[in-house]
PDB file of N, CA and C in Angstrom:
ATOM      1  N   TYR A   1     -75.781 -31.559   2.393  1.00  0.00           N
ATOM      2  CA  TYR A   1     -76.584 -32.559   3.065  1.00  0.00           C
ATOM      3  C   TYR A   1     -78.046 -32.147   3.001  1.00  0.00           C
ATOM      4  N   LYS A   2     -78.888 -33.097   2.654  1.00  0.00           N
ATOM      5  CA  LYS A   2     -80.319 -32.823   2.544  1.00  0.00           C
ATOM      6  C   LYS A   2     -81.065 -33.632   3.614  1.00  0.00           C
ATOM      7  N   PHE A   3     -81.851 -32.925   4.420  1.00  0.00           N
ATOM      8  CA  PHE A   3     -82.651 -33.620   5.432  1.00  0.00           C
ATOM      9  C   PHE A   3     -83.667 -34.522   4.749  1.00  0.00           C
ATOM     10  N   PRO A   4     -83.880 -35.728   5.254  1.00  0.00           N
ATOM     11  CA  PRO A   4     -84.960 -36.564   4.718  1.00  0.00           C
ATOM     12  C   PRO A   4     -86.320 -35.987   5.123  1.00  0.00           C
ATOM     13  N   ALA A   5     -87.331 -36.330   4.363  1.00  0.00           N
ATOM     14  CA  ALA A   5     -88.679 -35.811   4.628  1.00  0.00           C
ATOM     15  C   ALA A   5     -89.158 -36.186   6.025  1.00  0.00           C
ATOM     16  N   VAL A   6     -88.760 -37.359   6.502  1.00  0.00           N
ATOM     17  CA  VAL A   6     -89.189 -37.788   7.838  1.00  0.00           C
ATOM     18  C   VAL A   6     -88.624 -36.853   8.907  1.00  0.00           C
ATOM     19  N   ALA A   7     -87.369 -36.459   8.761  1.00  0.00           N
ATOM     20  CA  ALA A   7     -86.762 -35.538   9.731  1.00  0.00           C
ATOM     21  C   ALA A   7     -87.436 -34.176   9.672  1.00  0.00           C
ATOM     22  N   LEU A   8     -87.702 -33.703   8.463  1.00  0.00           N
ATOM     23  CA  LEU A   8     -88.376 -32.405   8.321  1.00  0.00           C
ATOM     24  C   LEU A   8     -89.784 -32.441   8.912  1.00  0.00           C
ATOM     25  N   SER A   9     -90.491 -33.555   8.705  1.00  0.00           N
ATOM     26  CA  SER A   9     -91.847 -33.633   9.262  1.00  0.00           C
ATOM     27  C   SER A   9     -91.804 -33.728  10.784  1.00  0.00           C
ATOM     28  N   SER A  10     -90.795 -34.387  11.328  1.00  0.00           N
ATOM     29  CA  SER A  10     -90.655 -34.458  12.783  1.00  0.00           C
ATOM     30  C   SER A  10     -90.391 -33.073  13.371  1.00  0.00           C
ATOM     31  N   ILE A  11     -89.473 -32.347  12.760  1.00  0.00           N
ATOM     32  CA  ILE A  11     -89.162 -30.993  13.220  1.00  0.00           C
ATOM     33  C   ILE A  11     -90.379 -30.085  13.063  1.00  0.00           C
ATOM     34  N   THR A  12     -91.054 -30.192  11.913  1.00  0.00           N
ATOM     35  CA  THR A  12     -92.233 -29.364  11.656  1.00  0.00           C
ATOM     36  C   THR A  12     -93.341 -29.673  12.656  1.00  0.00           C
ATOM     37  N   ASN A  13     -93.493 -30.945  13.016  1.00  0.00           N
ATOM     38  CA  ASN A  13     -94.518 -31.311  13.990  1.00  0.00           C
ATOM     39  C   ASN A  13     -94.240 -30.657  15.341  1.00  0.00           C
ATOM     40  N   ARG A  14     -92.984 -30.614  15.737  1.00  0.00           N
ATOM     41  CA  ARG A  14     -92.623 -29.981  17.005  1.00  0.00           C
ATOM     42  C   ARG A  14     -92.837 -28.467  16.936  1.00  0.00           C
ATOM     43  N   VAL A  15     -92.433 -27.867  15.819  1.00  0.00           N
ATOM     44  CA  VAL A  15     -92.588 -26.415  15.653  1.00  0.00           C
ATOM     45  C   VAL A  15     -94.065 -26.034  15.631  1.00  0.00           C
ATOM     46  N   THR A  16     -94.889 -26.830  14.940  1.00  0.00           N
ATOM     47  CA  THR A  16     -96.316 -26.517  14.895  1.00  0.00           C
ATOM     48  C   THR A  16     -96.955 -26.664  16.272  1.00  0.00           C
ATOM     49  N   GLY A  17     -96.480 -27.605  17.067  1.00  0.00           N
ATOM     50  CA  GLY A  17     -96.985 -27.737  18.435  1.00  0.00           C
ATOM     51  C   GLY A  17     -96.687 -26.499  19.264  1.00  0.00           C
ATOM     52  N   VAL A  18     -95.475 -25.985  19.127  1.00  0.00           N
ATOM     53  CA  VAL A  18     -95.101 -24.759  19.840  1.00  0.00           C
ATOM     54  C   VAL A  18     -95.928 -23.579  19.326  1.00  0.00           C
ATOM     55  N   ALA A  19     -96.115 -23.499  18.001  1.00  0.00           N
ATOM     56  CA  ALA A  19     -96.893 -22.401  17.418  1.00  0.00           C
ATOM     57  C   ALA A  19     -98.344 -22.439  17.898  1.00  0.00           C
ATOM     58  N   LEU A  20     -98.924 -23.625  17.941  1.00  0.00           N
ATOM     59  CA  LEU A  20    -100.303 -23.742  18.419  1.00  0.00           C
ATOM     60  C   LEU A  20    -100.415 -23.357  19.890  1.00  0.00           C
ATOM     61  N   THR A  21     -99.435 -23.760  20.676  1.00  0.00           N
ATOM     62  CA  THR A  21     -99.430 -23.381  22.088  1.00  0.00           C
ATOM     63  C   THR A  21     -99.350 -21.867  22.238  1.00  0.00           C
ATOM     64  N   GLY A  22     -98.483 -21.239  21.455  1.00  0.00           N
ATOM     65  CA  GLY A  22     -98.349 -19.783  21.504  1.00  0.00           C
ATOM     66  C   GLY A  22     -99.616 -19.072  21.072  1.00  0.00           C
ATOM     67  N   ALA A  23    -100.235 -19.553  19.994  1.00  0.00           N
ATOM     68  CA  ALA A  23    -101.457 -18.914  19.495  1.00  0.00           C
ATOM     69  C   ALA A  23    -102.601 -19.047  20.497  1.00  0.00           C
ATOM     70  N   MET A  24    -102.760 -20.233  21.062  1.00  0.00           N
ATOM     71  CA  MET A  24    -103.826 -20.429  22.049  1.00  0.00           C
ATOM     72  C   MET A  24    -103.557 -19.608  23.310  1.00  0.00           C
ATOM     73  N   SER A  25    -102.307 -19.536  23.718  1.00  0.00           N
ATOM     74  CA  SER A  25    -101.961 -18.735  24.898  1.00  0.00           C
ATOM     75  C   SER A  25    -102.216 -17.257  24.649  1.00  0.00           C
ATOM     76  N   ALA A  26    -101.843 -16.778  23.464  1.00  0.00           N
ATOM     77  CA  ALA A  26    -102.073 -15.368  23.130  1.00  0.00           C
ATOM     78  C   ALA A  26    -103.566 -15.053  23.121  1.00  0.00           C
ATOM     79  N   GLY A  27    -104.356 -15.938  22.514  1.00  0.00           N
ATOM     80  CA  GLY A  27    -105.805 -15.732  22.511  1.00  0.00           C
ATOM     81  C   GLY A  27    -106.378 -15.723  23.915  1.00  0.00           C
ATOM     82  N   GLY A  28    -105.884 -16.620  24.756  1.00  0.00           N
ATOM     83  CA  GLY A  28    -106.345 -16.662  26.143  1.00  0.00           C
ATOM     84  C   GLY A  28    -105.966 -15.414  26.922  1.00  0.00           C
ATOM     85  N   ILE A  29    -104.750 -14.937  26.710  1.00  0.00           N
ATOM     86  CA  ILE A  29    -104.305 -13.721  27.406  1.00  0.00           C
ATOM     87  C   ILE A  29    -105.111 -12.514  26.946  1.00  0.00           C
ATOM     88  N   ILE A  30    -105.363 -12.421  25.635  1.00  0.00           N
ATOM     89  CA  ILE A  30    -106.172 -11.311  25.113  1.00  0.00           C
ATOM     90  C   ILE A  30    -107.567 -11.351  25.734  1.00  0.00           C
ATOM     91  N   ALA A  31    -108.165 -12.545  25.804  1.00  0.00           N
ATOM     92  CA  ALA A  31    -109.500 -12.672  26.391  1.00  0.00           C
ATOM     93  C   ALA A  31    -109.482 -12.376  27.887  1.00  0.00           C
ATOM     94  N   LEU A  32    -108.426 -12.796  28.563  1.00  0.00           N
ATOM     95  CA  LEU A  32    -108.328 -12.559  30.003  1.00  0.00           C
ATOM     96  C   LEU A  32    -108.196 -11.075  30.314  1.00  0.00           C
ATOM     97  N   VAL A  33    -107.375 -10.390  29.537  1.00  0.00           N
ATOM     98  CA  VAL A  33    -107.130  -8.965  29.779  1.00  0.00           C
ATOM     99  C   VAL A  33    -108.295  -8.106  29.294  1.00  0.00           C
ATOM    100  N   GLY A  34    -108.829  -8.437  28.112  1.00  0.00           N
ATOM    101  CA  GLY A  34    -109.835  -7.576  27.503  1.00  0.00           C
ATOM    102  C   GLY A  34    -111.260  -8.054  27.601  1.00  0.00           C
ATOM    103  N   GLY A  35    -111.495  -9.210  28.170  1.00  0.00           N
ATOM    104  CA  GLY A  35    -112.847  -9.737  28.251  1.00  0.00           C
ATOM    105  C   GLY A  35    -113.159 -10.623  27.053  1.00  0.00           C
ATOM    106  N   ALA A  36    -114.315 -11.273  27.108  1.00  0.00           N
ATOM    107  CA  ALA A  36    -114.700 -12.243  26.085  1.00  0.00           C
ATOM    108  C   ALA A  36    -114.807 -11.636  24.692  1.00  0.00           C
ATOM    109  N   GLU A  37    -115.188 -10.376  24.597  1.00  0.00           N
ATOM    110  CA  GLU A  37    -115.367  -9.746  23.282  1.00  0.00           C
ATOM    111  C   GLU A  37    -114.047  -9.248  22.697  1.00  0.00           C
ATOM    112  N   ALA A  38    -112.959  -9.324  23.439  1.00  0.00           N
ATOM    113  CA  ALA A  38    -111.678  -8.773  22.976  1.00  0.00           C
ATOM    114  C   ALA A  38    -111.091  -9.556  21.807  1.00  0.00           C
ATOM    115  N   VAL A  39    -111.247 -10.885  21.797  1.00  0.00           N
ATOM    116  CA  VAL A  39    -110.659 -11.684  20.718  1.00  0.00           C
ATOM    117  C   VAL A  39    -111.349 -11.390  19.385  1.00  0.00           C
ATOM    118  N   PRO A  40    -112.692 -11.463  19.291  1.00  0.00           N
ATOM    119  CA  PRO A  40    -113.322 -11.116  18.013  1.00  0.00           C
ATOM    120  C   PRO A  40    -113.054  -9.667  17.597  1.00  0.00           C
ATOM    121  N   MET A  41    -113.010  -8.758  18.569  1.00  0.00           N
ATOM    122  CA  MET A  41    -112.745  -7.356  18.259  1.00  0.00           C
ATOM    123  C   MET A  41    -111.317  -7.192  17.724  1.00  0.00           C
ATOM    124  N   THR A  42    -110.367  -7.905  18.301  1.00  0.00           N
ATOM    125  CA  THR A  42    -108.982  -7.853  17.827  1.00  0.00           C
ATOM    126  C   THR A  42    -108.888  -8.379  16.400  1.00  0.00           C
ATOM    127  N   MET A  43    -109.606  -9.464  16.111  1.00  0.00           N
ATOM    128  CA  MET A  43    -109.585 -10.025  14.752  1.00  0.00           C
ATOM    129  C   MET A  43    -110.199  -9.053  13.754  1.00  0.00           C
ATOM    130  N   GLU A  44    -111.296  -8.419  14.099  1.00  0.00           N
ATOM    131  CA  GLU A  44    -111.927  -7.446  13.203  1.00  0.00           C
ATOM    132  C   GLU A  44    -111.029  -6.234  12.987  1.00  0.00           C
ATOM    133  N   MET A  45    -110.377  -5.776  14.029  1.00  0.00           N
ATOM    134  CA  MET A  45    -109.465  -4.643  13.918  1.00  0.00           C
ATOM    135  C   MET A  45    -108.288  -5.001  12.997  1.00  0.00           C
ATOM    136  N   PHE A  46    -107.789  -6.213  13.126  1.00  0.00           N
ATOM    137  CA  PHE A  46    -106.695  -6.662  12.269  1.00  0.00           C
ATOM    138  C   PHE A  46    -107.138  -6.707  10.806  1.00  0.00           C
ATOM    139  N   LYS A  47    -108.331  -7.260  10.557  1.00  0.00           N
ATOM    140  CA  LYS A  47    -108.836  -7.339   9.177  1.00  0.00           C
ATOM    141  C   LYS A  47    -109.031  -5.957   8.570  1.00  0.00           C
ATOM    142  N   ALA A  48    -109.470  -5.002   9.369  1.00  0.00           N
ATOM    143  CA  ALA A  48    -109.699  -3.648   8.863  1.00  0.00           C
ATOM    144  C   ALA A  48    -108.390  -2.918   8.579  1.00  0.00           C
ATOM    145  N   ASN A  49    -107.377  -3.148   9.398  1.00  0.00           N
ATOM    146  CA  ASN A  49    -106.116  -2.419   9.256  1.00  0.00           C
ATOM    147  C   ASN A  49    -105.099  -3.095   8.344  1.00  0.00           C
ATOM    148  N   ALA A  50    -105.223  -4.390   8.137  1.00  0.00           N
ATOM    149  CA  ALA A  50    -104.253  -5.112   7.300  1.00  0.00           C
ATOM    150  C   ALA A  50    -104.965  -6.141   6.432  1.00  0.00           C
ATOM    151  N   PRO A  51    -105.817  -5.679   5.506  1.00  0.00           N
ATOM    152  CA  PRO A  51    -106.607  -6.628   4.719  1.00  0.00           C
ATOM    153  C   PRO A  51    -105.765  -7.562   3.847  1.00  0.00           C
ATOM    154  N   LEU A  52    -104.598  -7.110   3.389  1.00  0.00           N
ATOM    155  CA  LEU A  52    -103.760  -7.972   2.553  1.00  0.00           C
ATOM    156  C   LEU A  52    -103.095  -9.087   3.350  1.00  0.00           C
ATOM    157  N   ALA A  53    -103.046  -8.939   4.643  1.00  0.00           N
ATOM    158  CA  ALA A  53    -102.403  -9.953   5.488  1.00  0.00           C
ATOM    159  C   ALA A  53    -103.375 -11.033   5.954  1.00  0.00           C
ATOM    160  N   VAL A  54    -104.653 -10.891   5.642  1.00  0.00           N
ATOM    161  CA  VAL A  54    -105.650 -11.831   6.150  1.00  0.00           C
ATOM    162  C   VAL A  54    -105.395 -13.247   5.635  1.00  0.00           C
ATOM    163  N   VAL A  55    -105.199 -13.403   4.339  1.00  0.00           N
ATOM    164  CA  VAL A  55    -104.994 -14.744   3.771  1.00  0.00           C
ATOM    165  C   VAL A  55    -103.708 -15.387   4.296  1.00  0.00           C
ATOM    166  N   PRO A  56    -102.568 -14.686   4.289  1.00  0.00           N
ATOM    167  CA  PRO A  56    -101.368 -15.317   4.860  1.00  0.00           C
ATOM    168  C   PRO A  56    -101.516 -15.672   6.343  1.00  0.00           C
ATOM    169  N   VAL A  57    -102.227 -14.849   7.087  1.00  0.00           N
ATOM    170  CA  VAL A  57    -102.416 -15.140   8.509  1.00  0.00           C
ATOM    171  C   VAL A  57    -103.328 -16.352   8.685  1.00  0.00           C
ATOM    172  N   LYS A  58    -104.361 -16.459   7.854  1.00  0.00           N
ATOM    173  CA  LYS A  58    -105.225 -17.641   7.923  1.00  0.00           C
ATOM    174  C   LYS A  58    -104.423 -18.906   7.634  1.00  0.00           C
ATOM    175  N   PHE A  59    -103.545 -18.835   6.631  1.00  0.00           N
ATOM    176  CA  PHE A  59    -102.688 -19.982   6.319  1.00  0.00           C
ATOM    177  C   PHE A  59    -101.761 -20.281   7.492  1.00  0.00           C
ATOM    178  N   ALA A  60    -101.180 -19.232   8.067  1.00  0.00           N
ATOM    179  CA  ALA A  60    -100.246 -19.406   9.184  1.00  0.00           C
ATOM    180  C   ALA A  60    -100.932 -19.992  10.416  1.00  0.00           C
ATOM    181  N   LEU A  61    -102.229 -19.793  10.540  1.00  0.00           N
ATOM    182  CA  LEU A  61    -102.969 -20.361  11.666  1.00  0.00           C
ATOM    183  C   LEU A  61    -103.496 -21.762  11.360  1.00  0.00           C
ATOM    184  N   SER A  62    -103.912 -21.994  10.117  1.00  0.00           N
ATOM    185  CA  SER A  62    -104.503 -23.293   9.797  1.00  0.00           C
ATOM    186  C   SER A  62    -103.460 -24.371   9.510  1.00  0.00           C
ATOM    187  N   PHE A  63    -102.336 -24.015   8.885  1.00  0.00           N
ATOM    188  CA  PHE A  63    -101.326 -25.023   8.557  1.00  0.00           C
ATOM    189  C   PHE A  63    -100.822 -25.758   9.801  1.00  0.00           C
ATOM    190  N   PRO A  64    -100.433 -25.060  10.874  1.00  0.00           N
ATOM    191  CA  PRO A  64     -99.972 -25.798  12.057  1.00  0.00           C
ATOM    192  C   PRO A  64    -101.036 -26.727  12.634  1.00  0.00           C
ATOM    193  N   PHE A  65    -102.284 -26.278  12.620  1.00  0.00           N
ATOM    194  CA  PHE A  65    -103.357 -27.112  13.155  1.00  0.00           C
ATOM    195  C   PHE A  65    -103.517 -28.387  12.334  1.00  0.00           C
ATOM    196  N   VAL A  66    -103.587 -28.245  11.014  1.00  0.00           N
ATOM    197  CA  VAL A  66    -103.771 -29.410  10.141  1.00  0.00           C
ATOM    198  C   VAL A  66    -102.549 -30.325  10.220  1.00  0.00           C
ATOM    199  N   PHE A  67    -101.358 -29.759  10.107  1.00  0.00           N
ATOM    200  CA  PHE A  67    -100.136 -30.563  10.103  1.00  0.00           C
ATOM    201  C   PHE A  67     -99.982 -31.323  11.416  1.00  0.00           C
ATOM    202  N   HIS A  68    -100.166 -30.639  12.530  1.00  0.00           N
ATOM    203  CA  HIS A  68     -99.984 -31.268  13.835  1.00  0.00           C
ATOM    204  C   HIS A  68    -101.036 -32.353  14.067  1.00  0.00           C
ATOM    205  N   THR A  69    -102.256 -32.115  13.615  1.00  0.00           N
ATOM    206  CA  THR A  69    -103.313 -33.116  13.748  1.00  0.00           C
ATOM    207  C   THR A  69    -102.990 -34.359  12.931  1.00  0.00           C
ATOM    208  N   LEU A  70    -102.602 -34.167  11.668  1.00  0.00           N
ATOM    209  CA  LEU A  70    -102.262 -35.315  10.821  1.00  0.00           C
ATOM    210  C   LEU A  70    -101.040 -36.057  11.356  1.00  0.00           C
ATOM    211  N   GLY A  71    -100.051 -35.320  11.832  1.00  0.00           N
ATOM    212  CA  GLY A  71     -98.879 -35.957  12.433  1.00  0.00           C
ATOM    213  C   GLY A  71     -99.252 -36.764  13.667  1.00  0.00           C
ATOM    214  N   GLY A  72    -100.180 -36.249  14.445  1.00  0.00           N
ATOM    215  CA  GLY A  72    -100.656 -36.975  15.620  1.00  0.00           C
ATOM    216  C   GLY A  72    -101.373 -38.258  15.249  1.00  0.00           C
ATOM    217  N   PHE A  73    -102.210 -38.197  14.208  1.00  0.00           N
ATOM    218  CA  PHE A  73    -102.888 -39.408  13.742  1.00  0.00           C
ATOM    219  C   PHE A  73    -101.878 -40.435  13.239  1.00  0.00           C
ATOM    220  N   ARG A  74    -100.847 -39.962  12.531  1.00  0.00           N
ATOM    221  CA  ARG A  74     -99.826 -40.881  12.026  1.00  0.00           C
ATOM    222  C   ARG A  74     -99.125 -41.576  13.195  1.00  0.00           C
ATOM    223  N   HIS A  75     -98.780 -40.825  14.218  1.00  0.00           N
ATOM    224  CA  HIS A  75     -98.129 -41.436  15.379  1.00  0.00           C
ATOM    225  C   HIS A  75     -99.067 -42.392  16.107  1.00  0.00           C
ATOM    226  N   LEU A  76    -100.348 -42.068  16.130  1.00  0.00           N
ATOM    227  CA  LEU A  76    -101.319 -42.967  16.742  1.00  0.00           C
ATOM    228  C   LEU A  76    -101.342 -44.305  16.005  1.00  0.00           C
ATOM    229  N   VAL A  77    -101.328 -44.254  14.673  1.00  0.00           N
ATOM    230  CA  VAL A  77    -101.289 -45.485  13.869  1.00  0.00           C
ATOM    231  C   VAL A  77     -99.987 -46.237  14.122  1.00  0.00           C
ATOM    232  N   TRP A  78     -98.877 -45.513  14.118  1.00  0.00           N
ATOM    233  CA  TRP A  78     -97.584 -46.164  14.369  1.00  0.00           C
ATOM    234  C   TRP A  78     -97.574 -46.854  15.726  1.00  0.00           C
ATOM    235  N   ASP A  79     -98.079 -46.174  16.742  1.00  0.00           N
ATOM    236  CA  ASP A  79     -98.027 -46.719  18.100  1.00  0.00           C
ATOM    237  C   ASP A  79     -98.979 -47.891  18.307  1.00  0.00           C
ATOM    238  N   SER A  80    -100.121 -47.870  17.637  1.00  0.00           N
ATOM    239  CA  SER A  80    -101.125 -48.903  17.877  1.00  0.00           C
ATOM    240  C   SER A  80    -101.010 -50.093  16.932  1.00  0.00           C
ATOM    241  N   THR A  81    -100.428 -49.902  15.737  1.00  0.00           N
ATOM    242  CA  THR A  81    -100.373 -51.008  14.772  1.00  0.00           C
ATOM    243  C   THR A  81     -98.958 -51.348  14.328  1.00  0.00           C
ATOM    244  N   THR A  82     -98.017 -50.507  14.564  1.00  0.00           N
ATOM    245  CA  THR A  82     -96.625 -50.622  14.078  1.00  0.00           C
ATOM    246  C   THR A  82     -96.545 -50.713  12.555  1.00  0.00           C
ATOM    247  N   LYS A  83     -97.578 -50.285  11.863  1.00  0.00           N
ATOM    248  CA  LYS A  83     -97.547 -50.263  10.397  1.00  0.00           C
ATOM    249  C   LYS A  83     -97.061 -48.905   9.927  1.00  0.00           C
ATOM    250  N   GLY A  84     -96.290 -48.891   8.858  1.00  0.00           N
ATOM    251  CA  GLY A  84     -95.832 -47.644   8.268  1.00  0.00           C
ATOM    252  C   GLY A  84     -94.575 -47.087   8.884  1.00  0.00           C
ATOM    253  N   ILE A  85     -93.888 -47.880   9.708  1.00  0.00           N
ATOM    254  CA  ILE A  85     -92.688 -47.373  10.365  1.00  0.00           C
ATOM    255  C   ILE A  85     -91.440 -47.586   9.511  1.00  0.00           C
ATOM    256  N   ASP A  86     -91.522 -48.407   8.482  1.00  0.00           N
ATOM    257  CA  ASP A  86     -90.349 -48.613   7.629  1.00  0.00           C
ATOM    258  C   ASP A  86     -90.009 -47.319   6.887  1.00  0.00           C
ATOM    259  N   ASN A  87     -88.774 -47.220   6.420  1.00  0.00           N
ATOM    260  CA  ASN A  87     -88.284 -45.971   5.820  1.00  0.00           C
ATOM    261  C   ASN A  87     -89.129 -45.502   4.641  1.00  0.00           C
ATOM    262  N   GLU A  88     -89.489 -46.413   3.761  1.00  0.00           N
ATOM    263  CA  GLU A  88     -90.249 -46.024   2.567  1.00  0.00           C
ATOM    264  C   GLU A  88     -91.637 -45.501   2.931  1.00  0.00           C
ATOM    265  N   SER A  89     -92.335 -46.194   3.812  1.00  0.00           N
ATOM    266  CA  SER A  89     -93.678 -45.760   4.218  1.00  0.00           C
ATOM    267  C   SER A  89     -93.634 -44.465   5.020  1.00  0.00           C
ATOM    268  N   ALA A  90     -92.643 -44.347   5.898  1.00  0.00           N
ATOM    269  CA  ALA A  90     -92.520 -43.124   6.700  1.00  0.00           C
ATOM    270  C   ALA A  90     -92.230 -41.925   5.811  1.00  0.00           C
ATOM    271  N   ASN A  91     -91.390 -42.117   4.802  1.00  0.00           N
ATOM    272  CA  ASN A  91     -91.093 -41.029   3.867  1.00  0.00           C
ATOM    273  C   ASN A  91     -92.342 -40.637   3.076  1.00  0.00           C
ATOM    274  N   ALA A  92     -93.070 -41.640   2.590  1.00  0.00           N
ATOM    275  CA  ALA A  92     -94.288 -41.362   1.818  1.00  0.00           C
ATOM    276  C   ALA A  92     -95.336 -40.658   2.679  1.00  0.00           C
ATOM    277  N   SER A  93     -95.504 -41.101   3.919  1.00  0.00           N
ATOM    278  CA  SER A  93     -96.508 -40.462   4.779  1.00  0.00           C
ATOM    279  C   SER A  93     -96.082 -39.045   5.157  1.00  0.00           C
ATOM    280  N   SER A  94     -94.780 -38.816   5.296  1.00  0.00           N
ATOM    281  CA  SER A  94     -94.297 -37.458   5.591  1.00  0.00           C
ATOM    282  C   SER A  94     -94.620 -36.512   4.446  1.00  0.00           C
ATOM    283  N   LEU A  95     -94.335 -36.951   3.229  1.00  0.00           N
ATOM    284  CA  LEU A  95     -94.635 -36.117   2.058  1.00  0.00           C
ATOM    285  C   LEU A  95     -96.137 -35.893   1.925  1.00  0.00           C
ATOM    286  N   ALA A  96     -96.923 -36.934   2.216  1.00  0.00           N
ATOM    287  CA  ALA A  96     -98.383 -36.803   2.136  1.00  0.00           C
ATOM    288  C   ALA A  96     -98.898 -35.795   3.163  1.00  0.00           C
ATOM    289  N   ILE A  97     -98.348 -35.825   4.361  1.00  0.00           N
ATOM    290  CA  ILE A  97     -98.784 -34.886   5.400  1.00  0.00           C
ATOM    291  C   ILE A  97     -98.458 -33.454   4.999  1.00  0.00           C
ATOM    292  N   PHE A  98     -97.263 -33.233   4.440  1.00  0.00           N
ATOM    293  CA  PHE A  98     -96.921 -31.889   3.959  1.00  0.00           C
ATOM    294  C   PHE A  98     -97.903 -31.448   2.873  1.00  0.00           C
ATOM    295  N   GLY A  99     -98.172 -32.326   1.906  1.00  0.00           N
ATOM    296  CA  GLY A  99     -99.056 -31.976   0.796  1.00  0.00           C
ATOM    297  C   GLY A  99    -100.483 -31.709   1.225  1.00  0.00           C
ATOM    298  N   VAL A 100    -101.030 -32.596   2.038  1.00  0.00           N
ATOM    299  CA  VAL A 100    -102.415 -32.431   2.493  1.00  0.00           C
ATOM    300  C   VAL A 100    -102.544 -31.189   3.369  1.00  0.00           C
ATOM    301  N   SER A 101    -101.559 -30.947   4.209  1.00  0.00           N
ATOM    302  CA  SER A 101    -101.609 -29.766   5.079  1.00  0.00           C
ATOM    303  C   SER A 101    -101.582 -28.478   4.273  1.00  0.00           C
ATOM    304  N   ALA A 102    -100.721 -28.431   3.268  1.00  0.00           N
ATOM    305  CA  ALA A 102    -100.648 -27.234   2.423  1.00  0.00           C
ATOM    306  C   ALA A 102    -101.945 -27.047   1.639  1.00  0.00           C
ATOM    307  N   ALA A 103    -102.487 -28.140   1.105  1.00  0.00           N
ATOM    308  CA  ALA A 103    -103.718 -28.047   0.314  1.00  0.00           C
ATOM    309  C   ALA A 103    -104.920 -27.679   1.181  1.00  0.00           C
ATOM    310  N   ALA A 104    -104.982 -28.225   2.378  1.00  0.00           N
ATOM    311  CA  ALA A 104    -106.126 -27.962   3.255  1.00  0.00           C
ATOM    312  C   ALA A 104    -106.053 -26.589   3.909  1.00  0.00           C
ATOM    313  N   SER A 105    -104.872 -26.016   3.947  1.00  0.00           N
ATOM    314  CA  SER A 105    -104.715 -24.708   4.581  1.00  0.00           C
ATOM    315  C   SER A 105    -105.022 -23.638   3.577  1.00  0.00           C
TER     316      SER A 105
END
């Protein structure tokens, strides 16, 4: 059985929402515990100690933001105009969101 693109994009949208919540919460906790300079200092320390991980981490942080934002815009269009809700359009927009998110990340 193969999940349709619409189902995968729905699941991915939920997962990216959780990931963004976790990332923002972690950043807030780091700043709360270590002060305002703790977040930039943590990022610099990470870059110095794991330079090969910088690009994958940037992708891991930017992909959820882009994907969740585009998914939100798609739902806004669906809710306000009811256009694009048919199976063919929803499938095409799901694939487009995956592609644009990967390219922009």
